[in-house]
N, C-alpha and C. Protein backbone atom coordinates (compact mmCIF):
# COMPACT_ATOMS: atom_id res chain seq x y z
N MET A 1 35.58 25.82 -52.79
CA MET A 1 34.24 25.32 -52.55
C MET A 1 33.27 26.48 -52.65
N ASN A 2 32.20 26.28 -53.33
CA ASN A 2 31.14 27.28 -53.44
C ASN A 2 30.37 27.31 -52.12
N LYS A 3 30.58 28.36 -51.32
CA LYS A 3 29.98 28.43 -49.99
C LYS A 3 28.46 28.41 -50.04
N SER A 4 27.86 29.14 -50.99
CA SER A 4 26.40 29.20 -51.04
C SER A 4 25.79 27.85 -51.40
N LYS A 5 26.44 27.09 -52.26
CA LYS A 5 25.92 25.79 -52.68
C LYS A 5 25.87 24.81 -51.51
N HIS A 6 26.84 24.90 -50.59
CA HIS A 6 26.94 23.95 -49.49
C HIS A 6 26.59 24.56 -48.14
N SER A 7 26.01 25.74 -48.13
CA SER A 7 25.80 26.46 -46.88
C SER A 7 24.87 25.74 -45.90
N LYS A 8 24.05 24.83 -46.39
CA LYS A 8 23.13 24.12 -45.50
C LYS A 8 23.65 22.75 -45.10
N CYS A 9 24.76 22.34 -45.65
CA CYS A 9 25.32 21.02 -45.36
C CYS A 9 26.16 21.09 -44.08
N PRO A 10 25.79 20.33 -43.05
CA PRO A 10 26.55 20.38 -41.79
C PRO A 10 28.00 19.93 -41.94
N ILE A 11 28.25 18.98 -42.82
CA ILE A 11 29.62 18.52 -43.04
C ILE A 11 30.46 19.63 -43.65
N ALA A 12 29.91 20.33 -44.61
CA ALA A 12 30.63 21.44 -45.24
C ALA A 12 30.91 22.55 -44.24
N LYS A 13 29.96 22.83 -43.36
CA LYS A 13 30.16 23.87 -42.36
C LYS A 13 31.31 23.52 -41.41
N VAL A 14 31.34 22.29 -40.94
CA VAL A 14 32.41 21.87 -40.03
C VAL A 14 33.74 21.82 -40.77
N ALA A 15 33.74 21.33 -41.99
CA ALA A 15 34.97 21.27 -42.78
C ALA A 15 35.54 22.66 -43.00
N LEU A 16 34.69 23.62 -43.26
CA LEU A 16 35.13 25.00 -43.45
C LEU A 16 35.72 25.55 -42.15
N LEU A 17 35.08 25.28 -41.04
CA LEU A 17 35.57 25.73 -39.74
C LEU A 17 36.95 25.14 -39.43
N LEU A 18 37.12 23.85 -39.72
CA LEU A 18 38.35 23.13 -39.34
C LEU A 18 39.36 23.01 -40.47
N SER A 19 39.18 23.75 -41.54
CA SER A 19 40.02 23.58 -42.72
C SER A 19 41.44 24.12 -42.55
N ASP A 20 41.70 24.84 -41.52
CA ASP A 20 43.03 25.41 -41.28
C ASP A 20 43.76 24.60 -40.22
N PRO A 21 44.97 24.15 -40.49
CA PRO A 21 45.71 23.35 -39.49
C PRO A 21 45.92 24.09 -38.17
N TRP A 22 46.16 25.41 -38.21
CA TRP A 22 46.35 26.16 -36.96
C TRP A 22 45.10 26.09 -36.09
N THR A 23 43.96 26.21 -36.72
CA THR A 23 42.70 26.15 -35.98
C THR A 23 42.57 24.81 -35.27
N MET A 24 42.88 23.75 -35.97
CA MET A 24 42.80 22.41 -35.38
C MET A 24 43.75 22.27 -34.19
N LEU A 25 44.96 22.79 -34.34
CA LEU A 25 45.95 22.66 -33.26
C LEU A 25 45.59 23.51 -32.05
N ILE A 26 45.01 24.67 -32.27
CA ILE A 26 44.55 25.50 -31.15
C ILE A 26 43.45 24.78 -30.39
N ILE A 27 42.50 24.23 -31.11
CA ILE A 27 41.41 23.49 -30.47
C ILE A 27 41.98 22.29 -29.71
N ARG A 28 42.89 21.56 -30.33
CA ARG A 28 43.52 20.40 -29.68
C ARG A 28 44.13 20.80 -28.34
N ASP A 29 44.87 21.89 -28.34
CA ASP A 29 45.55 22.31 -27.11
C ASP A 29 44.57 22.76 -26.04
N ILE A 30 43.57 23.53 -26.43
CA ILE A 30 42.62 24.05 -25.44
C ILE A 30 41.66 22.97 -24.96
N LEU A 31 41.46 21.93 -25.76
CA LEU A 31 40.66 20.80 -25.29
C LEU A 31 41.32 20.12 -24.10
N ASN A 32 42.65 20.11 -24.10
CA ASN A 32 43.39 19.43 -23.04
C ASN A 32 43.46 20.21 -21.74
N LYS A 33 43.51 21.55 -21.83
CA LYS A 33 43.58 22.37 -20.62
C LYS A 33 43.39 23.84 -20.99
N LYS A 34 43.01 24.63 -20.00
CA LYS A 34 42.90 26.07 -20.24
C LYS A 34 44.30 26.62 -20.47
N MET A 35 44.41 27.58 -21.37
CA MET A 35 45.74 28.09 -21.74
C MET A 35 45.73 29.60 -21.87
N ARG A 36 46.86 30.19 -21.54
CA ARG A 36 47.08 31.61 -21.78
C ARG A 36 47.56 31.78 -23.22
N PHE A 37 47.51 33.01 -23.71
CA PHE A 37 47.98 33.30 -25.06
C PHE A 37 49.42 32.83 -25.23
N GLY A 38 50.28 33.15 -24.27
CA GLY A 38 51.69 32.75 -24.34
C GLY A 38 51.89 31.25 -24.35
N ASP A 39 51.02 30.53 -23.65
CA ASP A 39 51.08 29.06 -23.65
C ASP A 39 50.82 28.53 -25.06
N LEU A 40 49.83 29.13 -25.72
CA LEU A 40 49.50 28.72 -27.09
C LEU A 40 50.66 29.05 -28.04
N GLU A 41 51.25 30.23 -27.88
CA GLU A 41 52.40 30.60 -28.73
C GLU A 41 53.54 29.60 -28.57
N SER A 42 53.78 29.18 -27.33
CA SER A 42 54.85 28.21 -27.08
C SER A 42 54.53 26.84 -27.65
N SER A 43 53.28 26.44 -27.51
CA SER A 43 52.86 25.13 -28.00
C SER A 43 52.90 25.07 -29.52
N LEU A 44 52.53 26.17 -30.16
CA LEU A 44 52.48 26.25 -31.62
C LEU A 44 53.68 27.06 -32.09
N GLU A 45 54.85 26.49 -31.94
CA GLU A 45 56.13 27.19 -32.10
C GLU A 45 56.26 28.11 -33.30
N SER A 46 55.81 27.71 -34.45
CA SER A 46 56.07 28.52 -35.64
C SER A 46 54.90 29.42 -36.04
N ILE A 47 53.88 29.53 -35.21
CA ILE A 47 52.75 30.41 -35.53
C ILE A 47 53.13 31.86 -35.21
N SER A 48 52.73 32.77 -36.06
CA SER A 48 52.99 34.18 -35.78
C SER A 48 51.95 34.70 -34.79
N THR A 49 52.31 35.73 -34.07
CA THR A 49 51.40 36.35 -33.11
C THR A 49 50.14 36.82 -33.82
N ARG A 50 50.31 37.40 -34.98
CA ARG A 50 49.17 37.91 -35.76
C ARG A 50 48.21 36.78 -36.16
N THR A 51 48.77 35.69 -36.63
CA THR A 51 47.94 34.55 -37.03
C THR A 51 47.22 33.96 -35.84
N LEU A 52 47.93 33.79 -34.73
CA LEU A 52 47.30 33.23 -33.53
C LEU A 52 46.16 34.12 -33.06
N THR A 53 46.39 35.42 -33.04
CA THR A 53 45.35 36.36 -32.64
C THR A 53 44.12 36.24 -33.54
N LYS A 54 44.35 36.17 -34.84
CA LYS A 54 43.26 36.06 -35.81
C LYS A 54 42.47 34.76 -35.61
N LYS A 55 43.17 33.65 -35.43
CA LYS A 55 42.51 32.35 -35.27
C LYS A 55 41.71 32.31 -33.96
N ILE A 56 42.27 32.87 -32.89
CA ILE A 56 41.57 32.90 -31.60
C ILE A 56 40.28 33.71 -31.74
N LYS A 57 40.36 34.86 -32.39
CA LYS A 57 39.16 35.69 -32.58
C LYS A 57 38.09 34.94 -33.36
N GLN A 58 38.51 34.21 -34.42
CA GLN A 58 37.56 33.44 -35.20
C GLN A 58 36.88 32.36 -34.35
N LEU A 59 37.68 31.68 -33.53
CA LEU A 59 37.13 30.62 -32.68
C LEU A 59 36.21 31.19 -31.60
N GLU A 60 36.53 32.37 -31.11
CA GLU A 60 35.65 33.02 -30.13
C GLU A 60 34.32 33.41 -30.79
N LEU A 61 34.39 33.97 -32.00
CA LEU A 61 33.18 34.35 -32.72
C LEU A 61 32.29 33.14 -33.02
N GLU A 62 32.91 32.01 -33.30
CA GLU A 62 32.17 30.77 -33.57
C GLU A 62 31.62 30.14 -32.30
N GLY A 63 32.06 30.62 -31.14
CA GLY A 63 31.60 30.04 -29.88
C GLY A 63 32.30 28.75 -29.52
N ILE A 64 33.49 28.53 -30.09
CA ILE A 64 34.26 27.30 -29.85
C ILE A 64 35.12 27.45 -28.59
N ILE A 65 35.71 28.62 -28.41
CA ILE A 65 36.51 28.91 -27.22
C ILE A 65 36.03 30.23 -26.62
N GLU A 66 36.41 30.45 -25.37
CA GLU A 66 36.10 31.71 -24.72
C GLU A 66 37.27 32.10 -23.81
N LYS A 67 37.36 33.38 -23.54
CA LYS A 67 38.41 33.86 -22.64
C LYS A 67 37.78 34.12 -21.29
N THR A 68 38.30 33.47 -20.29
CA THR A 68 37.87 33.69 -18.91
C THR A 68 39.10 34.14 -18.13
N GLU A 69 39.02 35.33 -17.57
CA GLU A 69 40.15 35.97 -16.92
C GLU A 69 41.32 36.04 -17.91
N HIS A 70 42.38 35.32 -17.65
CA HIS A 70 43.56 35.38 -18.53
C HIS A 70 43.73 34.10 -19.36
N TYR A 71 42.75 33.22 -19.31
CA TYR A 71 42.86 31.92 -19.95
C TYR A 71 41.82 31.73 -21.05
N TYR A 72 42.21 30.96 -22.05
CA TYR A 72 41.26 30.52 -23.07
C TYR A 72 40.82 29.13 -22.69
N THR A 73 39.52 28.91 -22.77
CA THR A 73 38.95 27.61 -22.43
C THR A 73 38.00 27.19 -23.55
N ILE A 74 37.74 25.92 -23.57
CA ILE A 74 36.83 25.37 -24.56
C ILE A 74 35.39 25.56 -24.07
N THR A 75 34.49 25.83 -24.97
CA THR A 75 33.08 25.95 -24.62
C THR A 75 32.41 24.59 -24.77
N LYS A 76 31.16 24.53 -24.41
CA LYS A 76 30.39 23.29 -24.60
C LYS A 76 30.34 22.94 -26.08
N LYS A 77 30.10 23.95 -26.91
CA LYS A 77 30.07 23.73 -28.36
C LYS A 77 31.43 23.22 -28.84
N GLY A 78 32.50 23.81 -28.34
CA GLY A 78 33.85 23.40 -28.74
C GLY A 78 34.22 22.01 -28.27
N SER A 79 33.74 21.63 -27.08
CA SER A 79 34.08 20.29 -26.57
C SER A 79 33.47 19.19 -27.43
N GLY A 80 32.46 19.54 -28.20
CA GLY A 80 31.88 18.57 -29.13
C GLY A 80 32.83 18.16 -30.24
N LEU A 81 33.89 18.95 -30.43
CA LEU A 81 34.89 18.63 -31.46
C LEU A 81 35.92 17.61 -30.97
N ASN A 82 35.87 17.26 -29.69
CA ASN A 82 36.84 16.33 -29.12
C ASN A 82 36.86 15.00 -29.87
N THR A 83 35.72 14.49 -30.23
CA THR A 83 35.64 13.21 -30.95
C THR A 83 36.34 13.31 -32.30
N ILE A 84 36.14 14.42 -32.99
CA ILE A 84 36.79 14.61 -34.30
C ILE A 84 38.30 14.68 -34.14
N ILE A 85 38.76 15.44 -33.17
CA ILE A 85 40.20 15.61 -32.93
C ILE A 85 40.83 14.25 -32.58
N LYS A 86 40.20 13.51 -31.68
CA LYS A 86 40.73 12.20 -31.29
C LYS A 86 40.75 11.24 -32.48
N SER A 87 39.70 11.25 -33.29
CA SER A 87 39.65 10.38 -34.47
C SER A 87 40.76 10.73 -35.46
N MET A 88 40.98 12.02 -35.66
CA MET A 88 42.05 12.45 -36.57
C MET A 88 43.41 12.02 -36.02
N SER A 89 43.59 12.11 -34.72
CA SER A 89 44.85 11.70 -34.10
C SER A 89 45.09 10.20 -34.29
N LYS A 90 44.07 9.39 -34.04
CA LYS A 90 44.20 7.95 -34.23
C LYS A 90 44.51 7.60 -35.68
N TYR A 91 43.82 8.25 -36.58
CA TYR A 91 44.03 8.02 -38.01
C TYR A 91 45.47 8.39 -38.39
N GLY A 92 45.91 9.55 -37.93
CA GLY A 92 47.27 10.00 -38.23
C GLY A 92 48.33 9.08 -37.66
N GLN A 93 48.12 8.60 -36.44
CA GLN A 93 49.07 7.67 -35.83
C GLN A 93 49.14 6.35 -36.59
N LYS A 94 48.00 5.93 -37.12
CA LYS A 94 47.96 4.65 -37.83
C LYS A 94 48.56 4.75 -39.23
N TYR A 95 48.27 5.84 -39.95
CA TYR A 95 48.66 5.92 -41.34
C TYR A 95 49.79 6.89 -41.66
N TYR A 96 50.17 7.75 -40.73
CA TYR A 96 51.21 8.75 -41.00
C TYR A 96 52.25 8.80 -39.89
N LYS A 97 52.83 7.67 -39.57
CA LYS A 97 53.85 7.62 -38.52
C LYS A 97 55.11 8.31 -38.93
């Protein structure tokens, strides 16, 4: 996708943010409860430590999650993605059992 051509389109911006499955799964997990790094590693069994670290940093920079003490939590901006995550889950349950 040509980033400059679609840089003002809100759909393109969100699609770019959520285009990675690991990112979606991290958000899904942190939406449900605050989690430590190790909790996320356990939940996302096949993710490498390096990839998880990279994805967490990206989500922190975007203001989607934040680290408070030893836990990652969802921000107000990140909680707005709950509707998207739930819709994707319903769609997947209906069409990809």
